[in-house]
C-alpha atoms as a PDB file:
ATOM      1  CA  MET A   1      11.793  84.537 156.459  1.00  0.00           C
ATOM      2  CA  GLY A   2      10.099  82.117 158.821  1.00  0.00           C
ATOM      3  CA  ASP A   3       9.511  78.415 158.388  1.00  0.00           C
ATOM      4  CA  SER A   4       7.132  78.183 155.422  1.00  0.00           C
ATOM      5  CA  MET A   5       5.500  75.103 156.976  1.00  0.00           C
ATOM      6  CA  ALA A   6       4.846  76.740 160.365  1.00  0.00           C
ATOM      7  CA  THR A   7       1.459  78.205 161.241  1.00  0.00           C
ATOM      8  CA  ILE A   8       0.292  80.603 163.946  1.00  0.00           C
ATOM      9  CA  GLY A   9      -1.112  77.602 165.790  1.00  0.00           C
ATOM     10  CA  ASP A  10       2.236  75.801 165.587  1.00  0.00           C
ATOM     11  CA  ARG A  11       4.038  78.812 167.018  1.00  0.00           C
ATOM     12  CA  LEU A  12       1.556  79.253 169.860  1.00  0.00           C
ATOM     13  CA  LYS A  13       1.766  75.595 170.849  1.00  0.00           C
ATOM     14  CA  GLU A  14       5.570  75.643 170.668  1.00  0.00           C
ATOM     15  CA  LEU A  15       5.793  78.793 172.798  1.00  0.00           C
ATOM     16  CA  ARG A  16       3.297  77.496 175.337  1.00  0.00           C
ATOM     17  CA  ILE A  17       5.054  74.156 175.763  1.00  0.00           C
ATOM     18  CA  THR A  18       8.484  75.812 175.963  1.00  0.00           C
ATOM     19  CA  ALA A  19       7.143  78.108 178.696  1.00  0.00           C
ATOM     20  CA  HIS A  20       5.676  75.082 180.551  1.00  0.00           C
ATOM     21  CA  LYS A  21       2.202  76.606 180.402  1.00  0.00           C
ATOM     22  CA  THR A  22      -1.217  75.048 179.927  1.00  0.00           C
ATOM     23  CA  GLN A  23      -3.815  76.476 177.593  1.00  0.00           C
ATOM     24  CA  LEU A  24      -5.683  77.659 180.680  1.00  0.00           C
ATOM     25  CA  ASP A  25      -2.540  79.487 181.888  1.00  0.00           C
ATOM     26  CA  VAL A  26      -2.324  81.363 178.585  1.00  0.00           C
ATOM     27  CA  SER A  27      -6.039  82.145 178.654  1.00  0.00           C
ATOM     28  CA  GLU A  28      -5.849  83.584 182.163  1.00  0.00           C
ATOM     29  CA  GLY A  29      -2.578  85.409 181.502  1.00  0.00           C
ATOM     30  CA  THR A  30      -3.826  87.161 178.361  1.00  0.00           C
ATOM     31  CA  GLY A  31      -7.533  87.539 179.101  1.00  0.00           C
ATOM     32  CA  ILE A  32      -8.328  85.567 175.941  1.00  0.00           C
ATOM     33  CA  ALA A  33     -11.255  83.155 176.299  1.00  0.00           C
ATOM     34  CA  LEU A  34     -10.033  79.560 176.699  1.00  0.00           C
ATOM     35  CA  ARG A  35     -12.194  78.336 173.838  1.00  0.00           C
ATOM     36  CA  SER A  36     -10.811  81.066 171.539  1.00  0.00           C
ATOM     37  CA  TYR A  37      -7.227  80.244 172.447  1.00  0.00           C
ATOM     38  CA  ARG A  38      -7.836  76.544 171.767  1.00  0.00           C
ATOM     39  CA  TYR A  39      -9.188  77.488 168.347  1.00  0.00           C
ATOM     40  CA  TYR A  40      -6.064  79.580 167.674  1.00  0.00           C
ATOM     41  CA  GLU A  41      -3.735  76.727 168.596  1.00  0.00           C
ATOM     42  CA  SER A  42      -5.667  74.151 166.584  1.00  0.00           C
ATOM     43  CA  GLY A  43      -5.805  76.456 163.573  1.00  0.00           C
ATOM     44  CA  GLU A  44      -9.604  76.496 163.490  1.00  0.00           C
ATOM     45  CA  ARG A  45      -9.572  80.268 163.885  1.00  0.00           C
ATOM     46  CA  LYS A  46      -7.017  82.974 163.275  1.00  0.00           C
ATOM     47  CA  PRO A  47      -6.397  85.557 166.028  1.00  0.00           C
ATOM     48  CA  ASP A  48      -7.069  89.167 165.077  1.00  0.00           C
ATOM     49  CA  SER A  49      -4.533  91.968 165.459  1.00  0.00           C
ATOM     50  CA  ASP A  50      -5.441  92.690 169.092  1.00  0.00           C
ATOM     51  CA  MET A  51      -5.047  89.034 170.067  1.00  0.00           C
ATOM     52  CA  ILE A  52      -1.736  88.708 168.196  1.00  0.00           C
ATOM     53  CA  ILE A  53      -0.328  91.703 170.077  1.00  0.00           C
ATOM     54  CA  LYS A  54      -1.532  90.271 173.395  1.00  0.00           C
ATOM     55  CA  LEU A  55       0.004  86.871 172.667  1.00  0.00           C
ATOM     56  CA  ALA A  56       3.304  88.378 171.517  1.00  0.00           C
ATOM     57  CA  GLY A  57       3.461  90.372 174.749  1.00  0.00           C
ATOM     58  CA  TYR A  58       2.565  87.362 176.889  1.00  0.00           C
ATOM     59  CA  PHE A  59       5.267  85.153 175.367  1.00  0.00           C
ATOM     60  CA  SER A  60       7.765  88.058 175.030  1.00  0.00           C
ATOM     61  CA  VAL A  61       8.365  87.435 171.334  1.00  0.00           C
ATOM     62  CA  SER A  62       8.006  89.512 168.197  1.00  0.00           C
ATOM     63  CA  VAL A  63       4.702  89.854 166.378  1.00  0.00           C
ATOM     64  CA  GLY A  64       6.433  88.469 163.290  1.00  0.00           C
ATOM     65  CA  TYR A  65       7.336  85.310 165.208  1.00  0.00           C
ATOM     66  CA  ILE A  66       3.736  84.732 166.317  1.00  0.00           C
ATOM     67  CA  LEU A  67       2.686  85.146 162.661  1.00  0.00           C
ATOM     68  CA  ALA A  68       5.335  82.549 161.635  1.00  0.00           C
ATOM     69  CA  GLN A  69       6.892  85.156 159.346  1.00  0.00           C
ATOM     70  CA  THR A  70      10.307  85.093 160.998  1.00  0.00           C
ATOM     71  CA  ASP A  71      12.385  82.616 162.959  1.00  0.00           C
ATOM     72  CA  ASN A  72      13.722  85.356 165.252  1.00  0.00           C
ATOM     73  CA  PRO A  73      11.572  85.263 168.401  1.00  0.00           C
ATOM     74  CA  LYS A  74      12.917  88.526 169.801  1.00  0.00           C
ATOM     75  CA  GLU A  75      11.817  91.930 168.585  1.00  0.00           C
ATOM     76  CA  SER A  76      14.437  94.645 168.316  1.00  0.00           C
ATOM     77  CA  ILE A  77      13.847  98.315 169.131  1.00  0.00           C
ATOM     78  CA  TYR A  78      12.981  99.760 165.755  1.00  0.00           C
ATOM     79  CA  MET A  79      13.474 103.267 164.504  1.00  0.00           C
ATOM     80  CA  TRP A  80       9.836 103.512 163.421  1.00  0.00           C
ATOM     81  CA  ASP A  81      10.894 106.167 160.921  1.00  0.00           C
ATOM     82  CA  PRO A  82       7.794 106.945 158.795  1.00  0.00           C
ATOM     83  CA  ALA A  83       9.903 107.742 155.725  1.00  0.00           C
ATOM     84  CA  ARG A  84      11.715 104.404 156.035  1.00  0.00           C
ATOM     85  CA  ILE A  85       8.431 102.527 156.484  1.00  0.00           C
ATOM     86  CA  LEU A  86       6.978 104.122 153.337  1.00  0.00           C
ATOM     87  CA  LYS A  87      10.169 103.273 151.439  1.00  0.00           C
ATOM     88  CA  ASN A  88       9.981  99.637 152.542  1.00  0.00           C
ATOM     89  CA  ILE A  89       6.297  99.309 151.637  1.00  0.00           C
ATOM     90  CA  SER A  90       7.003 100.815 148.209  1.00  0.00           C
ATOM     91  CA  LYS A  91       9.948  98.481 147.643  1.00  0.00           C
ATOM     92  CA  ILE A  92       7.985  95.351 148.571  1.00  0.00           C
ATOM     93  CA  CYS A  93       5.070  96.403 146.359  1.00  0.00           C
ATOM     94  CA  GLU A  94       7.493  97.037 143.510  1.00  0.00           C
ATOM     95  CA  LEU A  95       9.017  93.561 143.907  1.00  0.00           C
ATOM     96  CA  ASP A  96       5.533  92.026 143.912  1.00  0.00           C
ATOM     97  CA  GLU A  97       4.503  94.160 140.916  1.00  0.00           C
ATOM     98  CA  LEU A  98       1.764  95.772 142.977  1.00  0.00           C
ATOM     99  CA  ARG A  99       0.646  99.377 143.183  1.00  0.00           C
ATOM    100  CA  ILE A 100       1.034 100.604 146.744  1.00  0.00           C
ATOM    101  CA  GLU A 101      -2.516 102.019 146.569  1.00  0.00           C
ATOM    102  CA  GLN A 102      -3.830  98.566 145.630  1.00  0.00           C
ATOM    103  CA  ALA A 103      -2.000  96.907 148.518  1.00  0.00           C
ATOM    104  CA  LEU A 104      -3.286  99.431 151.052  1.00  0.00           C
ATOM    105  CA  GLU A 105      -6.883  99.185 149.849  1.00  0.00           C
ATOM    106  CA  GLU A 106      -7.023  95.391 149.504  1.00  0.00           C
ATOM    107  CA  SER A 107      -5.334  94.817 152.867  1.00  0.00           C
ATOM    108  CA  GLY A 108      -7.913  97.048 154.527  1.00  0.00           C
ATOM    109  CA  VAL A 109      -5.261  99.450 155.846  1.00  0.00           C
ATOM    110  CA  GLY A 110      -6.480 102.300 153.675  1.00  0.00           C
ATOM    111  CA  LEU A 111      -4.861 105.036 151.626  1.00  0.00           C
ATOM    112  CA  SER A 112      -4.706 107.333 154.656  1.00  0.00           C
ATOM    113  CA  LEU A 113      -1.531 105.490 155.692  1.00  0.00           C
ATOM    114  CA  ILE A 114       0.382 107.220 152.879  1.00  0.00           C
ATOM    115  CA  ASN A 115      -0.681 110.657 154.119  1.00  0.00           C
ATOM    116  CA  ASP A 116       0.147 109.724 157.710  1.00  0.00           C
ATOM    117  CA  LEU A 117       3.630 108.498 156.792  1.00  0.00           C
ATOM    118  CA  ASN A 118       4.287 111.542 154.605  1.00  0.00           C
ATOM    119  CA  ASN A 119       3.284 113.724 157.567  1.00  0.00           C
ATOM    120  CA  GLY A 120       5.689 111.917 159.879  1.00  0.00           C
ATOM    121  CA  ILE A 121       3.001 110.024 161.808  1.00  0.00           C
ATOM    122  CA  ARG A 122       4.163 106.644 163.094  1.00  0.00           C
ATOM    123  CA  PRO A 123       1.735 103.749 162.570  1.00  0.00           C
ATOM    124  CA  THR A 124       0.998 101.253 165.324  1.00  0.00           C
ATOM    125  CA  ILE A 125       1.886  97.574 165.073  1.00  0.00           C
ATOM    126  CA  LYS A 126      -1.831  96.805 165.037  1.00  0.00           C
ATOM    127  CA  ARG A 127      -2.285  98.936 161.935  1.00  0.00           C
ATOM    128  CA  MET A 128       0.663  97.355 160.115  1.00  0.00           C
ATOM    129  CA  ILE A 129      -0.199  93.693 160.724  1.00  0.00           C
ATOM    130  CA  PRO A 130      -2.898  93.379 157.981  1.00  0.00           C
ATOM    131  CA  LEU A 131      -0.544  94.956 155.423  1.00  0.00           C
ATOM    132  CA  ALA A 132       2.315  92.631 156.384  1.00  0.00           C
ATOM    133  CA  GLU A 133      -0.007  89.637 156.073  1.00  0.00           C
ATOM    134  CA  TYR A 134      -1.340  90.837 152.705  1.00  0.00           C
ATOM    135  CA  LEU A 135       2.177  91.315 151.337  1.00  0.00           C
ATOM    136  CA  GLY A 136       3.375  88.032 152.853  1.00  0.00           C
ATOM    137  CA  THR A 137       6.344  89.696 154.494  1.00  0.00           C
ATOM    138  CA  PRO A 138       7.558  89.895 158.113  1.00  0.00           C
ATOM    139  CA  ILE A 139       6.266  92.991 159.848  1.00  0.00           C
ATOM    140  CA  GLU A 140       9.884  93.639 160.905  1.00  0.00           C
ATOM    141  CA  ALA A 141      10.766  94.137 157.230  1.00  0.00           C
ATOM    142  CA  LEU A 142       8.158  96.882 156.975  1.00  0.00           C
ATOM    143  CA  ILE A 143       9.012  98.831 160.087  1.00  0.00           C
ATOM    144  CA  GLY A 144      12.659  98.400 160.919  1.00  0.00           C
ATOM    145  CA  VAL A 145      15.059  97.246 158.253  1.00  0.00           C
ATOM    146  CA  ASP A 146      15.929  98.800 154.927  1.00  0.00           C
ATOM    147  CA  LEU A 147      15.402  96.194 152.191  1.00  0.00           C
ATOM    148  CA  ASN A 148      18.711  97.129 150.597  1.00  0.00           C
ATOM    149  CA  GLY A 149      20.459  95.735 153.656  1.00  0.00           C
ATOM    150  CA  GLU A 150      20.929  98.961 155.601  1.00  0.00           C
ATOM    151  CA  PRO A 151      20.144  98.373 159.294  1.00  0.00           C
ATOM    152  CA  ALA A 152      17.798 100.663 161.132  1.00  0.00           C
ATOM    153  CA  LYS A 153      19.471 103.653 162.734  1.00  0.00           C
ATOM    154  CA  PRO A 154      20.033 103.416 166.500  1.00  0.00           C
ATOM    155  CA  ALA A 155      17.001 104.619 168.371  1.00  0.00           C
ATOM    156  CA  THR A 156      17.257 107.933 170.210  1.00  0.00           C
ATOM    157  CA  HIS A 157      15.769 108.636 173.651  1.00  0.00           C
ATOM    158  CA  ASP A 158      12.760 110.217 171.958  1.00  0.00           C
ATOM    159  CA  ASP A 159      12.272 107.173 169.723  1.00  0.00           C
ATOM    160  CA  ILE A 160      12.392 104.782 172.679  1.00  0.00           C
ATOM    161  CA  ALA A 161      10.124 107.002 174.797  1.00  0.00           C
ATOM    162  CA  ASN A 162       7.593 107.184 171.957  1.00  0.00           C
ATOM    163  CA  GLY A 163       7.787 103.402 171.587  1.00  0.00           C
ATOM    164  CA  ILE A 164       7.130 102.910 175.321  1.00  0.00           C
ATOM    165  CA  VAL A 165       4.131 105.251 175.238  1.00  0.00           C
ATOM    166  CA  GLU A 166       2.800 103.461 172.153  1.00  0.00           C
ATOM    167  CA  MET A 167       3.192 100.104 173.898  1.00  0.00           C
ATOM    168  CA  LEU A 168       1.340 101.396 176.971  1.00  0.00           C
ATOM    169  CA  THR A 169      -1.426 102.722 174.732  1.00  0.00           C
ATOM    170  CA  GLU A 170      -1.793  99.403 172.885  1.00  0.00           C
ATOM    171  CA  LYS A 171      -1.996  97.542 176.204  1.00  0.00           C
ATOM    172  CA  GLY A 172      -4.739  99.886 177.399  1.00  0.00           C
ATOM    173  CA  LEU A 173      -2.595 101.431 180.127  1.00  0.00           C
ATOM    174  CA  MET A 174      -2.917 105.015 178.844  1.00  0.00           C
ATOM    175  CA  HIS A 175      -6.265 106.731 179.325  1.00  0.00           C
ATOM    176  CA  ASP A 176      -7.588 109.002 176.589  1.00  0.00           C
ATOM    177  CA  ASN A 177      -8.238 112.010 178.821  1.00  0.00           C
ATOM    178  CA  MET A 178      -4.647 112.555 179.991  1.00  0.00           C
ATOM    179  CA  THR A 179      -3.837 116.249 180.122  1.00  0.00           C
ATOM    180  CA  PRO A 180      -0.822 117.699 178.275  1.00  0.00           C
ATOM    181  CA  ASP A 181       0.867 118.239 181.660  1.00  0.00           C
ATOM    182  CA  GLU A 182       0.357 114.593 182.623  1.00  0.00           C
ATOM    183  CA  ILE A 183       1.776 113.427 179.292  1.00  0.00           C
ATOM    184  CA  LYS A 184       4.769 115.755 179.750  1.00  0.00           C
ATOM    185  CA  VAL A 185       5.441 114.314 183.221  1.00  0.00           C
ATOM    186  CA  LEU A 186       5.206 110.769 181.823  1.00  0.00           C
ATOM    187  CA  TYR A 187       7.813 111.522 179.147  1.00  0.00           C
ATOM    188  CA  GLU A 188      10.076 113.185 181.720  1.00  0.00           C
ATOM    189  CA  ARG A 189       9.948 110.105 183.935  1.00  0.00           C
ATOM    190  CA  ILE A 190      10.654 107.789 181.016  1.00  0.00           C
ATOM    191  CA  ASP A 191      13.596 109.995 180.031  1.00  0.00           C
ATOM    192  CA  SER A 192      14.955 109.828 183.594  1.00  0.00           C
ATOM    193  CA  ILE A 193      14.791 106.039 183.513  1.00  0.00           C
ATOM    194  CA  LEU A 194      16.589 105.950 180.158  1.00  0.00           C
ATOM    195  CA  ASP A 195      19.317 108.247 181.527  1.00  0.00           C
ATOM    196  CA  PHE A 196      19.760 105.921 184.498  1.00  0.00           C
ATOM    197  CA  ILE A 197      20.010 102.870 182.220  1.00  0.00           C
ATOM    198  CA  ALA A 198      22.543 104.637 179.982  1.00  0.00           C
ATOM    199  CA  LYS A 199      24.729 105.603 182.972  1.00  0.00           C
ATOM    200  CA  PHE A 200      24.514 102.055 184.352  1.00  0.00           C
ATOM    201  CA  ALA A 201      25.561 100.648 180.957  1.00  0.00           C
ATOM    202  CA  ASP A 202      28.488 103.083 180.737  1.00  0.00           C
ATOM    203  CA  ASN A 203      29.765 101.903 184.135  1.00  0.00           C
ATOM    204  CA  LYS A 204      29.678  98.239 183.176  1.00  0.00           C
END
């Protein structure tokens, strides 16, 4: 768990100072209005999910760290296994004596998440943030680590490729009208890069 006394504003100020950046630097680097960023740092306003993702990307830290839910600033590559995510949500709700349906409705995530997870559909970070905040748990605990202590399984090429595409989508770098052939080519190129990295690592 993160420092219970830390706030989002504390984390943003700490990260900005450590990076030797001004508030204007962060504003220009993320596209967030300077006044809004100042409000976030001072605690007068809370950034929404889109802003949190932008700030985590800008400072190269985990979403959970920005939210002051974890003291680990680096985000691992998670399995994003829908079955595991559903298991973790259920376990946390059970510990908090909550019905999972209640948690999903009151957090604003919606009951459709259960159907999506049961159908093997991976949720985005943006979709999981409100649920993590509602449950008062690090988002990493929901998406990557079994609460019984079992670490997430190593990610396969497909898992990593899907994660890269999801990241590009969240950053607005994937356009909605890509054809199936274009998407196929994108995955093939990502796979080639992963093969190159794997061979380079093997030769180290």
